[in-house]
Amino acid sequence: MEQNSLTSRADYLIISFIGISFALFSIPILKNIEIPFLTLNFTTVLFLVVFFAIFANFALWIASLIGRWAPVAFQFAKFGAIGAFNTFLDWGVLNILIAITGIATGIGYSSFKGISFIIATISSYFWNKYWTFESKKSSTGDEVGKFLSVSFVGLLINIGMASLIVFSFQSSNVTSPERLANIGAGAATIVSLIWNFIGYKFWVFKK
């Protein structure tokens, strides 16, 4: 793909890594939600890896074209890619813990959601600082403190909304506990993603 002033070879290598990670993190998620028409095997996994790698590169290229007229759109696209990466990391860890323990409800689920969210938050700090917002400053206690403050509120929003959805519908038998767990995680991710972008851009990594 043609590169322009907004993108570099490193950007496409990073986005390829992100796309491949999507595929790998999706394996435990797909295993737990058990989609009837989808069988997980080597061919399926290979298809997911190739598809997400190509899609991620194409999406970044489109965002770079739009970014020629609106640079903030390209930055938001990078943030969205990192957000998606950390979302799949979050969900992947969550579903691995569910698969290992067989626990998908109650306080166990809330604890697993907290663990997975914390891991994704640590990843988010480094990816957003050095790639999304391209901060050249060394990490300081003040910056980390701001990041943790924004992320802590995001953590409360994330765990609170996910747990609320699971606790509210776990006795309704509308779907399996594993699927309900992922629905809760999805709704929580959308709200916390918006909160985090605003906080990171205009406070934590503000230039």
C-alpha atoms as a PDB file:
ATOM      1  CA  MET A   1       0.000   0.000   0.000  1.00  0.00           C
ATOM      2  CA  GLU A   2       1.175   3.502  -0.759  1.00  0.00           C
ATOM      3  CA  GLN A   3       2.540   5.311   2.277  1.00  0.00           C
ATOM      4  CA  ASN A   4       2.069   9.008   2.957  1.00  0.00           C
ATOM      5  CA  SER A   5       3.284  11.522   5.546  1.00  0.00           C
ATOM      6  CA  LEU A   6       0.936  10.137   8.182  1.00  0.00           C
ATOM      7  CA  THR A   7       2.047   6.534   7.964  1.00  0.00           C
ATOM      8  CA  SER A   8       5.354   4.692   8.035  1.00  0.00           C
ATOM      9  CA  ARG A   9       6.520   1.134   7.532  1.00  0.00           C
ATOM     10  CA  ALA A  10       6.530   0.768  11.326  1.00  0.00           C
ATOM     11  CA  ASP A  11       2.834   1.723  11.438  1.00  0.00           C
ATOM     12  CA  TYR A  12       1.950  -1.098   9.062  1.00  0.00           C
ATOM     13  CA  LEU A  13       4.097  -3.579  10.983  1.00  0.00           C
ATOM     14  CA  ILE A  14       2.381  -2.553  14.220  1.00  0.00           C
ATOM     15  CA  ILE A  15      -1.095  -2.769  12.708  1.00  0.00           C
ATOM     16  CA  SER A  16      -0.254  -6.208  11.282  1.00  0.00           C
ATOM     17  CA  PHE A  17       0.777  -7.373  14.743  1.00  0.00           C
ATOM     18  CA  ILE A  18      -2.487  -5.981  16.117  1.00  0.00           C
ATOM     19  CA  GLY A  19      -4.521  -7.758  13.441  1.00  0.00           C
ATOM     20  CA  ILE A  20      -2.837 -11.094  14.130  1.00  0.00           C
ATOM     21  CA  SER A  21      -3.381 -10.581  17.854  1.00  0.00           C
ATOM     22  CA  PHE A  22      -7.108 -10.052  17.205  1.00  0.00           C
ATOM     23  CA  ALA A  23      -7.259 -13.499  15.675  1.00  0.00           C
ATOM     24  CA  LEU A  24      -5.332 -15.215  18.458  1.00  0.00           C
ATOM     25  CA  PHE A  25      -7.258 -13.522  21.258  1.00  0.00           C
ATOM     26  CA  SER A  26     -10.544 -14.382  19.551  1.00  0.00           C
ATOM     27  CA  ILE A  27      -9.898 -18.140  19.885  1.00  0.00           C
ATOM     28  CA  PRO A  28     -10.802 -18.493  23.598  1.00  0.00           C
ATOM     29  CA  ILE A  29     -13.713 -16.085  23.085  1.00  0.00           C
ATOM     30  CA  LEU A  30     -15.170 -18.105  20.196  1.00  0.00           C
ATOM     31  CA  LYS A  31     -14.570 -21.327  22.096  1.00  0.00           C
ATOM     32  CA  ASN A  32     -16.640 -20.124  25.056  1.00  0.00           C
ATOM     33  CA  ILE A  33     -19.565 -18.563  23.168  1.00  0.00           C
ATOM     34  CA  GLU A  34     -19.872 -21.678  20.971  1.00  0.00           C
ATOM     35  CA  ILE A  35     -21.208 -20.338  17.666  1.00  0.00           C
ATOM     36  CA  PRO A  36     -23.134 -23.287  16.135  1.00  0.00           C
ATOM     37  CA  PHE A  37     -21.944 -22.824  12.536  1.00  0.00           C
ATOM     38  CA  LEU A  38     -18.287 -22.147  13.418  1.00  0.00           C
ATOM     39  CA  THR A  39     -15.841 -24.970  14.115  1.00  0.00           C
ATOM     40  CA  LEU A  40     -12.475 -24.022  15.536  1.00  0.00           C
ATOM     41  CA  ASN A  41      -9.658 -25.861  13.777  1.00  0.00           C
ATOM     42  CA  PHE A  42      -6.350 -25.022  12.099  1.00  0.00           C
ATOM     43  CA  THR A  43      -8.047 -23.797   8.918  1.00  0.00           C
ATOM     44  CA  THR A  44     -10.398 -21.516  10.855  1.00  0.00           C
ATOM     45  CA  VAL A  45      -7.576 -20.039  12.917  1.00  0.00           C
ATOM     46  CA  LEU A  46      -5.430 -19.492   9.803  1.00  0.00           C
ATOM     47  CA  PHE A  47      -8.342 -17.747   8.080  1.00  0.00           C
ATOM     48  CA  LEU A  48      -8.865 -15.469  11.103  1.00  0.00           C
ATOM     49  CA  VAL A  49      -5.170 -14.559  11.203  1.00  0.00           C
ATOM     50  CA  VAL A  50      -5.033 -13.696   7.492  1.00  0.00           C
ATOM     51  CA  PHE A  51      -8.377 -11.883   7.514  1.00  0.00           C
ATOM     52  CA  PHE A  52      -7.633  -9.674  10.520  1.00  0.00           C
ATOM     53  CA  ALA A  53      -4.104  -8.877   9.316  1.00  0.00           C
ATOM     54  CA  ILE A  54      -5.398  -7.732   5.909  1.00  0.00           C
ATOM     55  CA  PHE A  55      -8.390  -5.906   7.369  1.00  0.00           C
ATOM     56  CA  ALA A  56      -6.251  -4.026   9.902  1.00  0.00           C
ATOM     57  CA  ASN A  57      -3.841  -2.833   7.203  1.00  0.00           C
ATOM     58  CA  PHE A  58      -6.684  -1.781   4.919  1.00  0.00           C
ATOM     59  CA  ALA A  59      -8.415   0.107   7.739  1.00  0.00           C
ATOM     60  CA  LEU A  60      -5.203   1.964   8.620  1.00  0.00           C
ATOM     61  CA  TRP A  61      -4.674   2.902   4.970  1.00  0.00           C
ATOM     62  CA  ILE A  62      -8.207   4.288   4.703  1.00  0.00           C
ATOM     63  CA  ALA A  63      -7.732   6.201   7.963  1.00  0.00           C
ATOM     64  CA  SER A  64      -4.487   7.694   6.628  1.00  0.00           C
ATOM     65  CA  LEU A  65      -6.307   8.966   3.535  1.00  0.00           C
ATOM     66  CA  ILE A  66      -8.999  10.587   5.664  1.00  0.00           C
ATOM     67  CA  GLY A  67      -6.293  11.916   7.960  1.00  0.00           C
ATOM     68  CA  ARG A  68      -4.842  14.061   5.149  1.00  0.00           C
ATOM     69  CA  TRP A  69      -7.808  16.380   5.632  1.00  0.00           C
ATOM     70  CA  ALA A  70      -8.518  15.660   9.299  1.00  0.00           C
ATOM     71  CA  PRO A  71      -5.380  14.518  11.168  1.00  0.00           C
ATOM     72  CA  VAL A  72      -7.365  13.912  14.359  1.00  0.00           C
ATOM     73  CA  ALA A  73      -9.323  11.227  12.506  1.00  0.00           C
ATOM     74  CA  PHE A  74      -6.101   9.304  11.867  1.00  0.00           C
ATOM     75  CA  GLN A  75      -5.144   9.623  15.528  1.00  0.00           C
ATOM     76  CA  PHE A  76      -8.572   8.397  16.581  1.00  0.00           C
ATOM     77  CA  ALA A  77      -8.220   5.464  14.177  1.00  0.00           C
ATOM     78  CA  LYS A  78      -4.941   4.506  15.833  1.00  0.00           C
ATOM     79  CA  PHE A  79      -6.583   4.855  19.228  1.00  0.00           C
ATOM     80  CA  GLY A  80      -9.437   2.696  17.998  1.00  0.00           C
ATOM     81  CA  ALA A  81      -6.991   0.041  16.783  1.00  0.00           C
ATOM     82  CA  ILE A  82      -5.231   0.020  20.145  1.00  0.00           C
ATOM     83  CA  GLY A  83      -8.594   0.023  21.867  1.00  0.00           C
ATOM     84  CA  ALA A  84      -9.644  -2.992  19.798  1.00  0.00           C
ATOM     85  CA  PHE A  85      -6.321  -4.722  20.524  1.00  0.00           C
ATOM     86  CA  ASN A  86      -6.698  -4.188  24.255  1.00  0.00           C
ATOM     87  CA  THR A  87     -10.362  -5.171  24.087  1.00  0.00           C
ATOM     88  CA  PHE A  88      -9.441  -8.507  22.546  1.00  0.00           C
ATOM     89  CA  LEU A  89      -6.622  -8.840  25.099  1.00  0.00           C
ATOM     90  CA  ASP A  90      -9.148  -8.082  27.854  1.00  0.00           C
ATOM     91  CA  TRP A  91     -11.724 -10.528  26.524  1.00  0.00           C
ATOM     92  CA  GLY A  92      -9.093 -13.144  25.708  1.00  0.00           C
ATOM     93  CA  VAL A  93      -7.729 -13.175  29.270  1.00  0.00           C
ATOM     94  CA  LEU A  94     -11.288 -13.142  30.655  1.00  0.00           C
ATOM     95  CA  ASN A  95     -12.327 -16.137  28.565  1.00  0.00           C
ATOM     96  CA  ILE A  96      -9.127 -18.045  29.339  1.00  0.00           C
ATOM     97  CA  LEU A  97      -9.858 -17.627  33.051  1.00  0.00           C
ATOM     98  CA  ILE A  98     -13.470 -18.713  32.506  1.00  0.00           C
ATOM     99  CA  ALA A  99     -12.340 -21.751  30.501  1.00  0.00           C
ATOM    100  CA  ILE A 100      -9.787 -22.758  33.148  1.00  0.00           C
ATOM    101  CA  THR A 101     -12.100 -22.383  36.156  1.00  0.00           C
ATOM    102  CA  GLY A 102     -15.560 -22.896  34.664  1.00  0.00           C
ATOM    103  CA  ILE A 103     -16.725 -19.772  36.551  1.00  0.00           C
ATOM    104  CA  ALA A 104     -18.724 -17.272  34.467  1.00  0.00           C
ATOM    105  CA  THR A 105     -21.012 -15.610  37.041  1.00  0.00           C
ATOM    106  CA  GLY A 106     -20.966 -14.068  40.487  1.00  0.00           C
ATOM    107  CA  ILE A 107     -17.996 -12.603  42.336  1.00  0.00           C
ATOM    108  CA  GLY A 108     -15.646 -14.894  40.416  1.00  0.00           C
ATOM    109  CA  TYR A 109     -16.675 -13.293  37.135  1.00  0.00           C
ATOM    110  CA  SER A 110     -16.224  -9.798  38.565  1.00  0.00           C
ATOM    111  CA  SER A 111     -12.740 -10.728  39.811  1.00  0.00           C
ATOM    112  CA  PHE A 112     -11.756 -12.165  36.423  1.00  0.00           C
ATOM    113  CA  LYS A 113     -13.078  -9.033  34.690  1.00  0.00           C
ATOM    114  CA  GLY A 114     -10.959  -6.897  36.975  1.00  0.00           C
ATOM    115  CA  ILE A 115      -7.810  -8.948  36.269  1.00  0.00           C
ATOM    116  CA  SER A 116      -8.319  -8.892  32.510  1.00  0.00           C
ATOM    117  CA  PHE A 117      -9.064  -5.165  32.516  1.00  0.00           C
ATOM    118  CA  ILE A 118      -5.919  -4.348  34.525  1.00  0.00           C
ATOM    119  CA  ILE A 119      -3.720  -6.315  32.094  1.00  0.00           C
ATOM    120  CA  ALA A 120      -5.323  -4.509  29.144  1.00  0.00           C
ATOM    121  CA  THR A 121      -4.854  -1.145  30.893  1.00  0.00           C
ATOM    122  CA  ILE A 122      -1.102  -1.662  31.344  1.00  0.00           C
ATOM    123  CA  SER A 123      -0.870  -2.521  27.649  1.00  0.00           C
ATOM    124  CA  SER A 124      -2.980   0.522  26.807  1.00  0.00           C
ATOM    125  CA  TYR A 125      -0.604   2.924  28.541  1.00  0.00           C
ATOM    126  CA  PHE A 126       2.453   1.986  26.498  1.00  0.00           C
ATOM    127  CA  TRP A 127       0.660   1.593  23.168  1.00  0.00           C
ATOM    128  CA  ASN A 128      -1.200   4.901  23.461  1.00  0.00           C
ATOM    129  CA  LYS A 129       1.749   6.868  24.818  1.00  0.00           C
ATOM    130  CA  TYR A 130       4.264   5.830  22.182  1.00  0.00           C
ATOM    131  CA  TRP A 131       2.112   5.063  19.134  1.00  0.00           C
ATOM    132  CA  THR A 132      -1.309   6.726  19.293  1.00  0.00           C
ATOM    133  CA  PHE A 133      -0.308  10.053  20.854  1.00  0.00           C
ATOM    134  CA  GLU A 134       3.420   9.764  19.990  1.00  0.00           C
ATOM    135  CA  SER A 135       4.581  11.231  23.271  1.00  0.00           C
ATOM    136  CA  LYS A 136       8.289  11.985  23.232  1.00  0.00           C
ATOM    137  CA  LYS A 137       8.480  12.685  26.961  1.00  0.00           C
ATOM    138  CA  SER A 138       9.826  10.134  29.382  1.00  0.00           C
ATOM    139  CA  SER A 139       7.255   8.609  31.649  1.00  0.00           C
ATOM    140  CA  THR A 140       6.852  10.582  34.866  1.00  0.00           C
ATOM    141  CA  GLY A 141       5.020   9.936  38.097  1.00  0.00           C
ATOM    142  CA  ASP A 142       2.604  12.744  37.276  1.00  0.00           C
ATOM    143  CA  GLU A 143       1.765  11.298  33.851  1.00  0.00           C
ATOM    144  CA  VAL A 144       1.373   7.782  35.185  1.00  0.00           C
ATOM    145  CA  GLY A 145      -0.769   9.132  38.017  1.00  0.00           C
ATOM    146  CA  LYS A 146      -3.063  10.903  35.548  1.00  0.00           C
ATOM    147  CA  PHE A 147      -3.241   7.801  33.379  1.00  0.00           C
ATOM    148  CA  LEU A 148      -4.118   5.626  36.353  1.00  0.00           C
ATOM    149  CA  SER A 149      -6.750   8.123  37.486  1.00  0.00           C
ATOM    150  CA  VAL A 150      -8.493   8.086  34.115  1.00  0.00           C
ATOM    151  CA  SER A 151      -8.067   4.329  33.843  1.00  0.00           C
ATOM    152  CA  PHE A 152      -9.360   3.733  37.377  1.00  0.00           C
ATOM    153  CA  VAL A 153     -12.590   5.538  36.571  1.00  0.00           C
ATOM    154  CA  GLY A 154     -12.696   3.518  33.352  1.00  0.00           C
ATOM    155  CA  LEU A 155     -12.157   0.377  35.434  1.00  0.00           C
ATOM    156  CA  LEU A 156     -15.133   1.217  37.645  1.00  0.00           C
ATOM    157  CA  ILE A 157     -17.271   1.929  34.589  1.00  0.00           C
ATOM    158  CA  ASN A 158     -16.094  -1.255  32.877  1.00  0.00           C
ATOM    159  CA  ILE A 159     -16.542  -3.649  35.796  1.00  0.00           C
ATOM    160  CA  GLY A 160     -19.718  -1.954  36.996  1.00  0.00           C
ATOM    161  CA  MET A 161     -21.526  -2.096  33.662  1.00  0.00           C
ATOM    162  CA  ALA A 162     -20.337  -5.609  32.814  1.00  0.00           C
ATOM    163  CA  SER A 163     -21.328  -6.939  36.230  1.00  0.00           C
ATOM    164  CA  LEU A 164     -24.672  -5.136  36.162  1.00  0.00           C
ATOM    165  CA  ILE A 165     -25.631  -6.751  32.862  1.00  0.00           C
ATOM    166  CA  VAL A 166     -24.505 -10.222  33.989  1.00  0.00           C
ATOM    167  CA  PHE A 167     -26.202  -9.993  37.389  1.00  0.00           C
ATOM    168  CA  SER A 168     -29.408  -8.593  35.871  1.00  0.00           C
ATOM    169  CA  PHE A 169     -29.864 -11.321  33.253  1.00  0.00           C
ATOM    170  CA  GLN A 170     -28.100 -14.376  34.699  1.00  0.00           C
ATOM    171  CA  SER A 171     -31.372 -15.875  35.968  1.00  0.00           C
ATOM    172  CA  SER A 172     -33.411 -15.142  32.828  1.00  0.00           C
ATOM    173  CA  ASN A 173     -32.008 -18.090  30.797  1.00  0.00           C
ATOM    174  CA  VAL A 174     -32.062 -15.969  27.615  1.00  0.00           C
ATOM    175  CA  THR A 175     -28.565 -17.170  26.722  1.00  0.00           C
ATOM    176  CA  SER A 176     -25.648 -19.141  28.139  1.00  0.00           C
ATOM    177  CA  PRO A 177     -23.580 -17.669  31.010  1.00  0.00           C
ATOM    178  CA  GLU A 178     -20.515 -17.529  28.735  1.00  0.00           C
ATOM    179  CA  ARG A 179     -22.353 -15.542  26.050  1.00  0.00           C
ATOM    180  CA  LEU A 180     -23.901 -13.240  28.653  1.00  0.00           C
ATOM    181  CA  ALA A 181     -20.431 -12.655  30.113  1.00  0.00           C
ATOM    182  CA  ASN A 182     -19.192 -11.479  26.711  1.00  0.00           C
ATOM    183  CA  ILE A 183     -22.262  -9.303  26.114  1.00  0.00           C
ATOM    184  CA  GLY A 184     -21.538  -7.598  29.428  1.00  0.00           C
ATOM    185  CA  ALA A 185     -17.893  -7.155  28.466  1.00  0.00           C
ATOM    186  CA  GLY A 186     -18.878  -5.664  25.095  1.00  0.00           C
ATOM    187  CA  ALA A 187     -21.244  -3.053  26.517  1.00  0.00           C
ATOM    188  CA  ALA A 188     -18.717  -2.074  29.173  1.00  0.00           C
ATOM    189  CA  THR A 189     -15.942  -1.714  26.603  1.00  0.00           C
ATOM    190  CA  ILE A 190     -17.853   0.791  24.449  1.00  0.00           C
ATOM    191  CA  VAL A 191     -18.514   3.183  27.325  1.00  0.00           C
ATOM    192  CA  SER A 192     -15.038   2.922  28.871  1.00  0.00           C
ATOM    193  CA  LEU A 193     -13.372   3.365  25.442  1.00  0.00           C
ATOM    194  CA  ILE A 194     -15.040   6.756  24.929  1.00  0.00           C
ATOM    195  CA  TRP A 195     -14.158   7.849  28.454  1.00  0.00           C
ATOM    196  CA  ASN A 196     -10.522   6.801  28.076  1.00  0.00           C
ATOM    197  CA  PHE A 197      -9.973   8.560  24.728  1.00  0.00           C
ATOM    198  CA  ILE A 198     -11.210  11.872  26.110  1.00  0.00           C
ATOM    199  CA  GLY A 199      -9.124  11.531  29.259  1.00  0.00           C
ATOM    200  CA  TYR A 200      -5.923  10.409  27.539  1.00  0.00           C
ATOM    201  CA  LYS A 201      -6.016  12.944  24.711  1.00  0.00           C
ATOM    202  CA  PHE A 202      -6.997  16.070  26.620  1.00  0.00           C
ATOM    203  CA  TRP A 203      -5.349  15.413  29.976  1.00  0.00           C
ATOM    204  CA  VAL A 204      -2.815  12.569  30.216  1.00  0.00           C
ATOM    205  CA  PHE A 205      -0.930  12.924  26.905  1.00  0.00           C
ATOM    206  CA  LYS A 206      -1.906  16.493  26.098  1.00  0.00           C
ATOM    207  CA  LYS A 207       0.876  18.246  24.167  1.00  0.00           C
END
